[in-house]
PDB file of N, CA and C in Angstrom:
ATOM      1  N   MET A   1       0.803  -1.170   0.129  1.00  0.00           N
ATOM      2  CA  MET A   1       0.037   0.153  -0.080  1.00  0.00           C
ATOM      3  C   MET A   1       0.845   1.208  -0.052  1.00  0.00           C
ATOM      4  N   ILE A   2       0.668   2.115  -0.977  1.00  0.00           N
ATOM      5  CA  ILE A   2       1.327   3.348  -0.915  1.00  0.00           C
ATOM      6  C   ILE A   2       0.674   4.493  -0.341  1.00  0.00           C
ATOM      7  N   LEU A   3       1.082   5.229   0.624  1.00  0.00           N
ATOM      8  CA  LEU A   3       0.486   6.150   1.283  1.00  0.00           C
ATOM      9  C   LEU A   3       1.025   7.661   0.829  1.00  0.00           C
ATOM     10  N   THR A   4       0.379   8.609   0.420  1.00  0.00           N
ATOM     11  CA  THR A   4       0.978   9.845   0.114  1.00  0.00           C
ATOM     12  C   THR A   4       0.307  11.048   0.336  1.00  0.00           C
ATOM     13  N   THR A   5       0.828  12.185   0.650  1.00  0.00           N
ATOM     14  CA  THR A   5      -0.038  13.351   0.937  1.00  0.00           C
ATOM     15  C   THR A   5      -0.143  14.100  -0.531  1.00  0.00           C
ATOM     16  N   THR A   6       0.659  13.649  -1.644  1.00  0.00           N
ATOM     17  CA  THR A   6       0.466  14.222  -2.913  1.00  0.00           C
ATOM     18  C   THR A   6      -0.783  13.649  -3.573  1.00  0.00           C
ATOM     19  N   ASN A   7      -1.168  14.317  -4.726  1.00  0.00           N
ATOM     20  CA  ASN A   7      -2.245  13.886  -5.437  1.00  0.00           C
ATOM     21  C   ASN A   7      -2.154  12.934  -6.649  1.00  0.00           C
ATOM     22  N   SER A   8      -0.748  12.575  -6.696  1.00  0.00           N
ATOM     23  CA  SER A   8      -0.420  11.627  -7.749  1.00  0.00           C
ATOM     24  C   SER A   8       0.840  10.901  -7.162  1.00  0.00           C
ATOM     25  N   ILE A   9       1.044   9.875  -7.903  1.00  0.00           N
ATOM     26  CA  ILE A   9       2.551   9.134  -7.615  1.00  0.00           C
ATOM     27  C   ILE A   9       3.345   8.919  -8.683  1.00  0.00           C
ATOM     28  N   GLU A  10       4.458   9.708  -8.647  1.00  0.00           N
ATOM     29  CA  GLU A  10       5.299   9.666  -9.795  1.00  0.00           C
ATOM     30  C   GLU A  10       5.497   8.354 -10.405  1.00  0.00           C
ATOM     31  N   GLY A  11       5.465   8.400 -11.637  1.00  0.00           N
ATOM     32  CA  GLY A  11       5.774   7.106 -12.445  1.00  0.00           C
ATOM     33  C   GLY A  11       4.543   6.096 -12.478  1.00  0.00           C
ATOM     34  N   CYS A  12       3.504   6.528 -11.734  1.00  0.00           N
ATOM     35  CA  CYS A  12       2.204   5.520 -11.846  1.00  0.00           C
ATOM     36  C   CYS A  12       1.078   6.355 -12.392  1.00  0.00           C
ATOM     37  N   THR A  13       0.257   5.489 -13.030  1.00  0.00           N
ATOM     38  CA  THR A  13      -1.008   5.877 -13.575  1.00  0.00           C
ATOM     39  C   THR A  13      -2.220   5.442 -12.663  1.00  0.00           C
ATOM     40  N   ILE A  14      -2.969   6.210 -12.308  1.00  0.00           N
ATOM     41  CA  ILE A  14      -4.215   5.947 -11.444  1.00  0.00           C
ATOM     42  C   ILE A  14      -5.167   5.258 -12.293  1.00  0.00           C
ATOM     43  N   LYS A  15      -5.492   4.035 -12.080  1.00  0.00           N
ATOM     44  CA  LYS A  15      -6.492   3.284 -12.838  1.00  0.00           C
ATOM     45  C   LYS A  15      -7.880   3.445 -12.530  1.00  0.00           C
ATOM     46  N   GLU A  16      -7.886   3.608 -11.121  1.00  0.00           N
ATOM     47  CA  GLU A  16      -9.545   3.600 -10.643  1.00  0.00           C
ATOM     48  C   GLU A  16      -9.511   4.317  -9.495  1.00  0.00           C
ATOM     49  N   TYR A  17     -10.378   5.278  -9.220  1.00  0.00           N
ATOM     50  CA  TYR A  17     -10.662   5.998  -7.931  1.00  0.00           C
ATOM     51  C   TYR A  17     -11.675   5.085  -7.119  1.00  0.00           C
ATOM     52  N   LYS A  18     -11.517   4.672  -6.099  1.00  0.00           N
ATOM     53  CA  LYS A  18     -12.265   3.744  -5.278  1.00  0.00           C
ATOM     54  C   LYS A  18     -13.156   4.728  -4.214  1.00  0.00           C
ATOM     55  N   GLY A  19     -12.832   6.059  -3.896  1.00  0.00           N
ATOM     56  CA  GLY A  19     -13.408   6.729  -3.035  1.00  0.00           C
ATOM     57  C   GLY A  19     -12.781   7.344  -2.044  1.00  0.00           C
ATOM     58  N   ILE A  20     -13.296   8.118  -1.260  1.00  0.00           N
ATOM     59  CA  ILE A  20     -12.710   8.861   0.203  1.00  0.00           C
ATOM     60  C   ILE A  20     -12.633   7.799   1.046  1.00  0.00           C
ATOM     61  N   VAL A  21     -11.515   7.913   1.685  1.00  0.00           N
ATOM     62  CA  VAL A  21     -11.332   6.908   2.876  1.00  0.00           C
ATOM     63  C   VAL A  21     -10.951   7.673   4.113  1.00  0.00           C
ATOM     64  N   THR A  22     -11.185   7.137   5.324  1.00  0.00           N
ATOM     65  CA  THR A  22     -10.731   8.017   6.383  1.00  0.00           C
ATOM     66  C   THR A  22     -10.255   7.112   7.526  1.00  0.00           C
ATOM     67  N   GLY A  23      -9.508   7.721   8.390  1.00  0.00           N
ATOM     68  CA  GLY A  23      -9.041   7.013   9.772  1.00  0.00           C
ATOM     69  C   GLY A  23      -9.021   7.765  10.825  1.00  0.00           C
ATOM     70  N   GLU A  24      -9.428   7.478  11.955  1.00  0.00           N
ATOM     71  CA  GLU A  24      -9.437   8.503  13.028  1.00  0.00           C
ATOM     72  C   GLU A  24      -9.235   7.685  14.373  1.00  0.00           C
ATOM     73  N   THR A  25      -8.746   8.444  15.330  1.00  0.00           N
ATOM     74  CA  THR A  25      -8.629   7.902  16.651  1.00  0.00           C
ATOM     75  C   THR A  25      -8.402   9.044  17.868  1.00  0.00           C
ATOM     76  N   ILE A  26      -9.050   8.771  18.846  1.00  0.00           N
ATOM     77  CA  ILE A  26      -9.016   9.575  20.093  1.00  0.00           C
ATOM     78  C   ILE A  26      -8.331   8.850  21.120  1.00  0.00           C
ATOM     79  N   ILE A  27      -7.449   9.699  21.764  1.00  0.00           N
ATOM     80  CA  ILE A  27      -6.403   9.027  22.687  1.00  0.00           C
ATOM     81  C   ILE A  27      -6.360  10.107  23.864  1.00  0.00           C
ATOM     82  N   GLY A  28      -6.427   9.549  25.043  1.00  0.00           N
ATOM     83  CA  GLY A  28      -6.242  10.381  26.257  1.00  0.00           C
ATOM     84  C   GLY A  28      -4.873  10.436  26.771  1.00  0.00           C
ATOM     85  N   ALA A  29      -4.598  11.658  27.287  1.00  0.00           N
ATOM     86  CA  ALA A  29      -3.270  11.743  27.952  1.00  0.00           C
ATOM     87  C   ALA A  29      -3.518  11.650  29.626  1.00  0.00           C
ATOM     88  N   ASN A  30      -3.016  10.867  30.148  1.00  0.00           N
ATOM     89  CA  ASN A  30      -3.105  10.694  31.586  1.00  0.00           C
ATOM     90  C   ASN A  30      -2.407  11.584  32.535  1.00  0.00           C
ATOM     91  N   PHE A  31      -2.695  11.531  33.835  1.00  0.00           N
ATOM     92  CA  PHE A  31      -2.188  12.549  34.782  1.00  0.00           C
ATOM     93  C   PHE A  31      -0.756  12.711  34.898  1.00  0.00           C
ATOM     94  N   ILE A  32      -0.073  11.642  34.683  1.00  0.00           N
ATOM     95  CA  ILE A  32       1.438  11.723  34.927  1.00  0.00           C
ATOM     96  C   ILE A  32       2.152  12.468  33.675  1.00  0.00           C
ATOM     97  N   LYS A  33       1.540  11.978  32.492  1.00  0.00           N
ATOM     98  CA  LYS A  33       2.024  12.813  31.431  1.00  0.00           C
ATOM     99  C   LYS A  33       1.635  14.264  31.446  1.00  0.00           C
ATOM    100  N   ASP A  34       0.397  14.623  32.028  1.00  0.00           N
ATOM    101  CA  ASP A  34       0.047  16.043  32.132  1.00  0.00           C
ATOM    102  C   ASP A  34       1.098  16.684  33.021  1.00  0.00           C
ATOM    103  N   LEU A  35       1.539  16.005  34.273  1.00  0.00           N
ATOM    104  CA  LEU A  35       2.343  16.582  35.142  1.00  0.00           C
ATOM    105  C   LEU A  35       3.646  16.792  34.434  1.00  0.00           C
ATOM    106  N   LYS A  36       4.241  15.773  33.877  1.00  0.00           N
ATOM    107  CA  LYS A  36       5.532  15.823  33.018  1.00  0.00           C
ATOM    108  C   LYS A  36       5.446  17.088  32.120  1.00  0.00           C
ATOM    109  N   ALA A  37       4.297  17.309  31.296  1.00  0.00           N
ATOM    110  CA  ALA A  37       4.326  18.281  30.354  1.00  0.00           C
ATOM    111  C   ALA A  37       4.311  19.511  31.079  1.00  0.00           C
ATOM    112  N   SER A  38       3.520  19.689  32.275  1.00  0.00           N
ATOM    113  CA  SER A  38       3.447  21.035  32.822  1.00  0.00           C
ATOM    114  C   SER A  38       4.867  21.352  33.503  1.00  0.00           C
ATOM    115  N   ILE A  39       5.733  20.537  33.784  1.00  0.00           N
ATOM    116  CA  ILE A  39       6.947  20.816  34.377  1.00  0.00           C
ATOM    117  C   ILE A  39       7.881  21.182  33.187  1.00  0.00           C
ATOM    118  N   THR A  40       7.651  20.528  32.001  1.00  0.00           N
ATOM    119  CA  THR A  40       8.521  20.802  30.779  1.00  0.00           C
ATOM    120  C   THR A  40       8.109  22.165  30.217  1.00  0.00           C
ATOM    121  N   ASP A  41       6.773  22.510  30.343  1.00  0.00           N
ATOM    122  CA  ASP A  41       6.482  23.890  29.873  1.00  0.00           C
ATOM    123  C   ASP A  41       6.965  24.963  30.757  1.00  0.00           C
ATOM    124  N   PHE A  42       7.118  24.808  32.061  1.00  0.00           N
ATOM    125  CA  PHE A  42       7.600  25.763  33.004  1.00  0.00           C
ATOM    126  C   PHE A  42       8.906  25.893  32.673  1.00  0.00           C
ATOM    127  N   PHE A  43      10.035  24.910  32.562  1.00  0.00           N
ATOM    128  CA  PHE A  43      11.187  24.920  32.344  1.00  0.00           C
ATOM    129  C   PHE A  43      11.695  25.161  31.006  1.00  0.00           C
ATOM    130  N   GLY A  44      10.843  24.777  29.990  1.00  0.00           N
ATOM    131  CA  GLY A  44      11.181  24.717  28.750  1.00  0.00           C
ATOM    132  C   GLY A  44      11.650  23.385  28.178  1.00  0.00           C
ATOM    133  N   GLY A  45      11.524  23.362  26.889  1.00  0.00           N
ATOM    134  CA  GLY A  45      12.131  21.904  26.244  1.00  0.00           C
ATOM    135  C   GLY A  45      10.913  21.094  25.651  1.00  0.00           C
ATOM    136  N   ARG A  46      11.269  20.018  25.146  1.00  0.00           N
ATOM    137  CA  ARG A  46      10.259  19.155  24.480  1.00  0.00           C
ATOM    138  C   ARG A  46       9.640  18.377  25.522  1.00  0.00           C
ATOM    139  N   SER A  47       8.322  17.848  25.137  1.00  0.00           N
ATOM    140  CA  SER A  47       7.479  17.161  26.133  1.00  0.00           C
ATOM    141  C   SER A  47       7.509  15.789  25.279  1.00  0.00           C
ATOM    142  N   THR A  48       8.397  15.019  25.534  1.00  0.00           N
ATOM    143  CA  THR A  48       8.558  13.580  24.904  1.00  0.00           C
ATOM    144  C   THR A  48       7.270  12.695  25.330  1.00  0.00           C
ATOM    145  N   SER A  49       6.778  12.929  26.199  1.00  0.00           N
ATOM    146  CA  SER A  49       5.626  11.811  26.751  1.00  0.00           C
ATOM    147  C   SER A  49       4.454  12.109  25.939  1.00  0.00           C
ATOM    148  N   TYR A  50       4.083  13.543  25.585  1.00  0.00           N
ATOM    149  CA  TYR A  50       3.136  13.794  24.694  1.00  0.00           C
ATOM    150  C   TYR A  50       3.591  13.650  23.168  1.00  0.00           C
ATOM    151  N   GLU A  51       4.711  13.727  22.849  1.00  0.00           N
ATOM    152  CA  GLU A  51       5.066  13.333  21.356  1.00  0.00           C
ATOM    153  C   GLU A  51       4.784  11.991  21.389  1.00  0.00           C
ATOM    154  N   LYS A  52       4.991  11.076  22.300  1.00  0.00           N
ATOM    155  CA  LYS A  52       4.850   9.711  22.104  1.00  0.00           C
ATOM    156  C   LYS A  52       3.333   9.481  21.898  1.00  0.00           C
ATOM    157  N   VAL A  53       2.495   9.943  22.620  1.00  0.00           N
ATOM    158  CA  VAL A  53       1.141   9.790  22.542  1.00  0.00           C
ATOM    159  C   VAL A  53       0.688  10.262  20.907  1.00  0.00           C
ATOM    160  N   LEU A  54       1.129  11.342  20.751  1.00  0.00           N
ATOM    161  CA  LEU A  54       0.808  12.023  19.290  1.00  0.00           C
ATOM    162  C   LEU A  54       1.236  11.082  18.196  1.00  0.00           C
ATOM    163  N   ILE A  55       2.352  10.416  18.385  1.00  0.00           N
ATOM    164  CA  ILE A  55       2.861   9.486  17.233  1.00  0.00           C
ATOM    165  C   ILE A  55       2.071   8.284  17.266  1.00  0.00           C
ATOM    166  N   LYS A  56       1.721   7.720  18.713  1.00  0.00           N
ATOM    167  CA  LYS A  56       0.773   6.519  18.791  1.00  0.00           C
ATOM    168  C   LYS A  56      -0.529   6.772  18.064  1.00  0.00           C
ATOM    169  N   ALA A  57      -1.019   7.938  18.352  1.00  0.00           N
ATOM    170  CA  ALA A  57      -2.353   8.022  17.791  1.00  0.00           C
ATOM    171  C   ALA A  57      -2.247   8.347  16.272  1.00  0.00           C
ATOM    172  N   LYS A  58      -1.285   9.002  15.663  1.00  0.00           N
ATOM    173  CA  LYS A  58      -1.193   9.246  14.092  1.00  0.00           C
ATOM    174  C   LYS A  58      -0.940   7.780  13.622  1.00  0.00           C
ATOM    175  N   ASN A  59      -0.083   7.028  14.155  1.00  0.00           N
ATOM    176  CA  ASN A  59       0.008   5.629  13.510  1.00  0.00           C
ATOM    177  C   ASN A  59      -1.277   4.729  13.583  1.00  0.00           C
ATOM    178  N   THR A  60      -2.108   4.985  14.707  1.00  0.00           N
ATOM    179  CA  THR A  60      -3.231   4.134  14.908  1.00  0.00           C
ATOM    180  C   THR A  60      -4.318   4.620  13.856  1.00  0.00           C
ATOM    181  N   ALA A  61      -4.321   5.907  13.449  1.00  0.00           N
ATOM    182  CA  ALA A  61      -5.196   6.380  12.585  1.00  0.00           C
ATOM    183  C   ALA A  61      -4.731   6.052  11.161  1.00  0.00           C
ATOM    184  N   LEU A  62      -3.419   5.987  10.846  1.00  0.00           N
ATOM    185  CA  LEU A  62      -2.858   5.563   9.503  1.00  0.00           C
ATOM    186  C   LEU A  62      -3.272   4.260   9.403  1.00  0.00           C
ATOM    187  N   LYS A  63      -3.053   3.286  10.171  1.00  0.00           N
ATOM    188  CA  LYS A  63      -3.462   1.943  10.209  1.00  0.00           C
ATOM    189  C   LYS A  63      -4.799   1.646   9.738  1.00  0.00           C
ATOM    190  N   GLU A  64      -5.684   2.299  10.456  1.00  0.00           N
ATOM    191  CA  GLU A  64      -7.197   2.287  10.332  1.00  0.00           C
ATOM    192  C   GLU A  64      -7.464   2.790   8.875  1.00  0.00           C
ATOM    193  N   LEU A  65      -6.783   3.776   8.322  1.00  0.00           N
ATOM    194  CA  LEU A  65      -7.062   4.453   6.872  1.00  0.00           C
ATOM    195  C   LEU A  65      -6.579   3.356   6.029  1.00  0.00           C
ATOM    196  N   GLU A  66      -5.555   2.666   6.164  1.00  0.00           N
ATOM    197  CA  GLU A  66      -5.025   1.757   5.301  1.00  0.00           C
ATOM    198  C   GLU A  66      -5.772   0.544   5.284  1.00  0.00           C
ATOM    199  N   GLU A  67      -6.169  -0.054   6.494  1.00  0.00           N
ATOM    200  CA  GLU A  67      -7.329  -1.117   6.576  1.00  0.00           C
ATOM    201  C   GLU A  67      -8.588  -0.824   5.780  1.00  0.00           C
ATOM    202  N   ARG A  68      -9.117   0.301   5.808  1.00  0.00           N
ATOM    203  CA  ARG A  68     -10.444   0.672   5.158  1.00  0.00           C
ATOM    204  C   ARG A  68     -10.216   0.701   3.645  1.00  0.00           C
ATOM    205  N   ALA A  69      -8.926   1.123   3.346  1.00  0.00           N
ATOM    206  CA  ALA A  69      -8.780   1.389   1.835  1.00  0.00           C
ATOM    207  C   ALA A  69      -8.524  -0.062   1.230  1.00  0.00           C
ATOM    208  N   ILE A  70      -7.894  -0.934   1.965  1.00  0.00           N
ATOM    209  CA  ILE A  70      -7.752  -2.372   1.418  1.00  0.00           C
ATOM    210  C   ILE A  70      -9.123  -3.085   1.463  1.00  0.00           C
ATOM    211  N   LYS A  71     -10.021  -2.787   2.255  1.00  0.00           N
ATOM    212  CA  LYS A  71     -11.332  -3.351   2.033  1.00  0.00           C
ATOM    213  C   LYS A  71     -12.105  -2.713   0.973  1.00  0.00           C
ATOM    214  N   MET A  72     -11.745  -1.623   0.473  1.00  0.00           N
ATOM    215  CA  MET A  72     -12.198  -1.138  -0.824  1.00  0.00           C
ATOM    216  C   MET A  72     -11.711  -1.497  -1.958  1.00  0.00           C
ATOM    217  N   GLY A  73     -10.580  -2.375  -1.897  1.00  0.00           N
ATOM    218  CA  GLY A  73      -9.837  -2.793  -3.067  1.00  0.00           C
ATOM    219  C   GLY A  73      -8.810  -1.969  -3.551  1.00  0.00           C
ATOM    220  N   ALA A  74      -8.330  -1.038  -2.901  1.00  0.00           N
ATOM    221  CA  ALA A  74      -7.342  -0.089  -3.304  1.00  0.00           C
ATOM    222  C   ALA A  74      -5.918  -0.577  -2.934  1.00  0.00           C
ATOM    223  N   ASN A  75      -5.117  -0.039  -3.611  1.00  0.00           N
ATOM    224  CA  ASN A  75      -3.683  -0.451  -3.424  1.00  0.00           C
ATOM    225  C   ASN A  75      -2.758   0.772  -3.141  1.00  0.00           C
ATOM    226  N   ALA A  76      -3.413   1.954  -3.057  1.00  0.00           N
ATOM    227  CA  ALA A  76      -2.814   3.292  -2.786  1.00  0.00           C
ATOM    228  C   ALA A  76      -3.691   4.122  -2.262  1.00  0.00           C
ATOM    229  N   ILE A  77      -3.148   5.238  -1.380  1.00  0.00           N
ATOM    230  CA  ILE A  77      -4.036   6.263  -0.931  1.00  0.00           C
ATOM    231  C   ILE A  77      -3.341   7.490  -1.299  1.00  0.00           C
ATOM    232  N   ILE A  78      -3.985   8.524  -2.028  1.00  0.00           N
ATOM    233  CA  ILE A  78      -3.383   9.743  -2.463  1.00  0.00           C
ATOM    234  C   ILE A  78      -4.071  10.957  -1.680  1.00  0.00           C
ATOM    235  N   GLY A  79      -3.407  12.068  -1.567  1.00  0.00           N
ATOM    236  CA  GLY A  79      -4.081  13.205  -1.144  1.00  0.00           C
ATOM    237  C   GLY A  79      -4.297  13.205   0.523  1.00  0.00           C
ATOM    238  N   ILE A  80      -3.477  12.282   1.200  1.00  0.00           N
ATOM    239  CA  ILE A  80      -3.814  12.410   2.654  1.00  0.00           C
ATOM    240  C   ILE A  80      -3.568  13.434   3.318  1.00  0.00           C
ATOM    241  N   ASP A  81      -4.653  13.990   4.359  1.00  0.00           N
ATOM    242  CA  ASP A  81      -4.707  14.960   5.015  1.00  0.00           C
ATOM    243  C   ASP A  81      -4.766  14.560   6.310  1.00  0.00           C
ATOM    244  N   ILE A  82      -3.789  15.228   7.400  1.00  0.00           N
ATOM    245  CA  ILE A  82      -3.930  14.808   8.681  1.00  0.00           C
ATOM    246  C   ILE A  82      -4.365  16.042   9.565  1.00  0.00           C
ATOM    247  N   ASP A  83      -5.223  15.838  10.408  1.00  0.00           N
ATOM    248  CA  ASP A  83      -5.745  16.869  11.258  1.00  0.00           C
ATOM    249  C   ASP A  83      -5.403  16.367  12.745  1.00  0.00           C
ATOM    250  N   TYR A  84      -5.283  17.456  13.514  1.00  0.00           N
ATOM    251  CA  TYR A  84      -4.985  17.033  15.049  1.00  0.00           C
ATOM    252  C   TYR A  84      -5.904  18.061  15.651  1.00  0.00           C
ATOM    253  N   GLU A  85      -6.642  17.453  16.707  1.00  0.00           N
ATOM    254  CA  GLU A  85      -7.701  18.450  17.659  1.00  0.00           C
ATOM    255  C   GLU A  85      -7.538  18.020  19.227  1.00  0.00           C
ATOM    256  N   ALA A  86      -7.425  18.855  19.841  1.00  0.00           N
ATOM    257  CA  ALA A  86      -7.626  18.648  21.328  1.00  0.00           C
ATOM    258  C   ALA A  86      -9.042  18.638  21.821  1.00  0.00           C
ATOM    259  N   LEU A  87      -9.527  17.529  22.553  1.00  0.00           N
ATOM    260  CA  LEU A  87     -10.750  17.572  22.958  1.00  0.00           C
ATOM    261  C   LEU A  87     -11.022  17.182  24.490  1.00  0.00           C
ATOM    262  N   GLY A  88     -12.131  17.378  24.969  1.00  0.00           N
ATOM    263  CA  GLY A  88     -12.430  17.010  26.423  1.00  0.00           C
ATOM    264  C   GLY A  88     -12.074  18.205  27.201  1.00  0.00           C
ATOM    265  N   ALA A  89     -12.323  18.005  28.595  1.00  0.00           N
ATOM    266  CA  ALA A  89     -12.217  19.104  29.410  1.00  0.00           C
ATOM    267  C   ALA A  89     -10.483  19.407  29.641  1.00  0.00           C
ATOM    268  N   GLY A  90     -10.224  20.554  29.253  1.00  0.00           N
ATOM    269  CA  GLY A  90      -8.772  21.093  29.483  1.00  0.00           C
ATOM    270  C   GLY A  90      -8.086  20.435  28.333  1.00  0.00           C
ATOM    271  N   GLY A  91      -8.700  19.854  27.352  1.00  0.00           N
ATOM    272  CA  GLY A  91      -7.816  19.502  26.020  1.00  0.00           C
ATOM    273  C   GLY A  91      -7.136  18.061  26.364  1.00  0.00           C
ATOM    274  N   SER A  92      -7.718  17.478  27.232  1.00  0.00           N
ATOM    275  CA  SER A  92      -7.091  16.201  27.893  1.00  0.00           C
ATOM    276  C   SER A  92      -7.184  14.977  26.894  1.00  0.00           C
ATOM    277  N   MET A  93      -7.859  15.256  25.766  1.00  0.00           N
ATOM    278  CA  MET A  93      -7.917  14.138  24.882  1.00  0.00           C
ATOM    279  C   MET A  93      -7.318  14.566  23.406  1.00  0.00           C
ATOM    280  N   LEU A  94      -6.803  13.670  22.817  1.00  0.00           N
ATOM    281  CA  LEU A  94      -6.314  14.217  21.366  1.00  0.00           C
ATOM    282  C   LEU A  94      -6.984  13.360  20.160  1.00  0.00           C
ATOM    283  N   MET A  95      -7.458  14.034  19.331  1.00  0.00           N
ATOM    284  CA  MET A  95      -8.123  13.300  18.236  1.00  0.00           C
ATOM    285  C   MET A  95      -7.256  13.693  16.834  1.00  0.00           C
ATOM    286  N   VAL A  96      -6.872  12.472  16.148  1.00  0.00           N
ATOM    287  CA  VAL A  96      -6.208  12.605  14.956  1.00  0.00           C
ATOM    288  C   VAL A  96      -6.974  11.822  13.872  1.00  0.00           C
ATOM    289  N   SER A  97      -7.388  12.683  12.812  1.00  0.00           N
ATOM    290  CA  SER A  97      -8.290  12.221  11.634  1.00  0.00           C
ATOM    291  C   SER A  97      -7.543  12.533  10.414  1.00  0.00           C
ATOM    292  N   LEU A  98      -7.737  11.507   9.672  1.00  0.00           N
ATOM    293  CA  LEU A  98      -7.042  11.535   8.447  1.00  0.00           C
ATOM    294  C   LEU A  98      -7.992  11.092   7.254  1.00  0.00           C
ATOM    295  N   SER A  99      -7.704  11.814   6.139  1.00  0.00           N
ATOM    296  CA  SER A  99      -8.542  11.526   4.987  1.00  0.00           C
ATOM    297  C   SER A  99      -7.889  11.435   3.670  1.00  0.00           C
ATOM    298  N   GLY A 100      -8.199  10.762   2.846  1.00  0.00           N
ATOM    299  CA  GLY A 100      -7.463  10.521   1.651  1.00  0.00           C
ATOM    300  C   GLY A 100      -8.309   9.931   0.401  1.00  0.00           C
ATOM    301  N   THR A 101      -7.927   9.733  -0.862  1.00  0.00           N
ATOM    302  CA  THR A 101      -8.617   9.177  -1.842  1.00  0.00           C
ATOM    303  C   THR A 101      -8.008   7.626  -2.075  1.00  0.00           C
ATOM    304  N   ALA A 102      -8.804   6.520  -1.910  1.00  0.00           N
ATOM    305  CA  ALA A 102      -8.369   5.508  -2.087  1.00  0.00           C
ATOM    306  C   ALA A 102      -8.288   5.213  -3.785  1.00  0.00           C
ATOM    307  N   VAL A 103      -7.174   4.591  -4.164  1.00  0.00           N
ATOM    308  CA  VAL A 103      -7.202   4.189  -5.662  1.00  0.00           C
ATOM    309  C   VAL A 103      -6.473   3.072  -5.973  1.00  0.00           C
ATOM    310  N   ILE A 104      -6.453   2.663  -7.141  1.00  0.00           N
ATOM    311  CA  ILE A 104      -5.796   1.389  -7.866  1.00  0.00           C
ATOM    312  C   ILE A 104      -4.799   2.116  -8.808  1.00  0.00           C
ATOM    313  N   ILE A 105      -3.583   1.825  -8.576  1.00  0.00           N
ATOM    314  CA  ILE A 105      -2.639   2.139  -9.455  1.00  0.00           C
ATOM    315  C   ILE A 105      -2.058   0.985 -10.299  1.00  0.00           C
TER     316      ILE A 105
END
């Protein structure tokens, strides 16, 4: 499965458009990560605990996107858009949503 944010794949001809495909995940950050992040925010630097949660959420949504495209009979997804949103009380939940076009190349 080829996944790309571009609208075409160099050297490949799109034979069939299967349709829009999406993948999404919502993941919570726990108290310990919040505490570590607040300390990092105070002293400066990167919040690796939140970065790990963000990467996990993105990878989960990408896997879901790919699985849905496979069920549609696609072998590539073009034009992938990734959106991040904080949800819940105080932004304690993170939503990652992806969309793209499932195609056969």
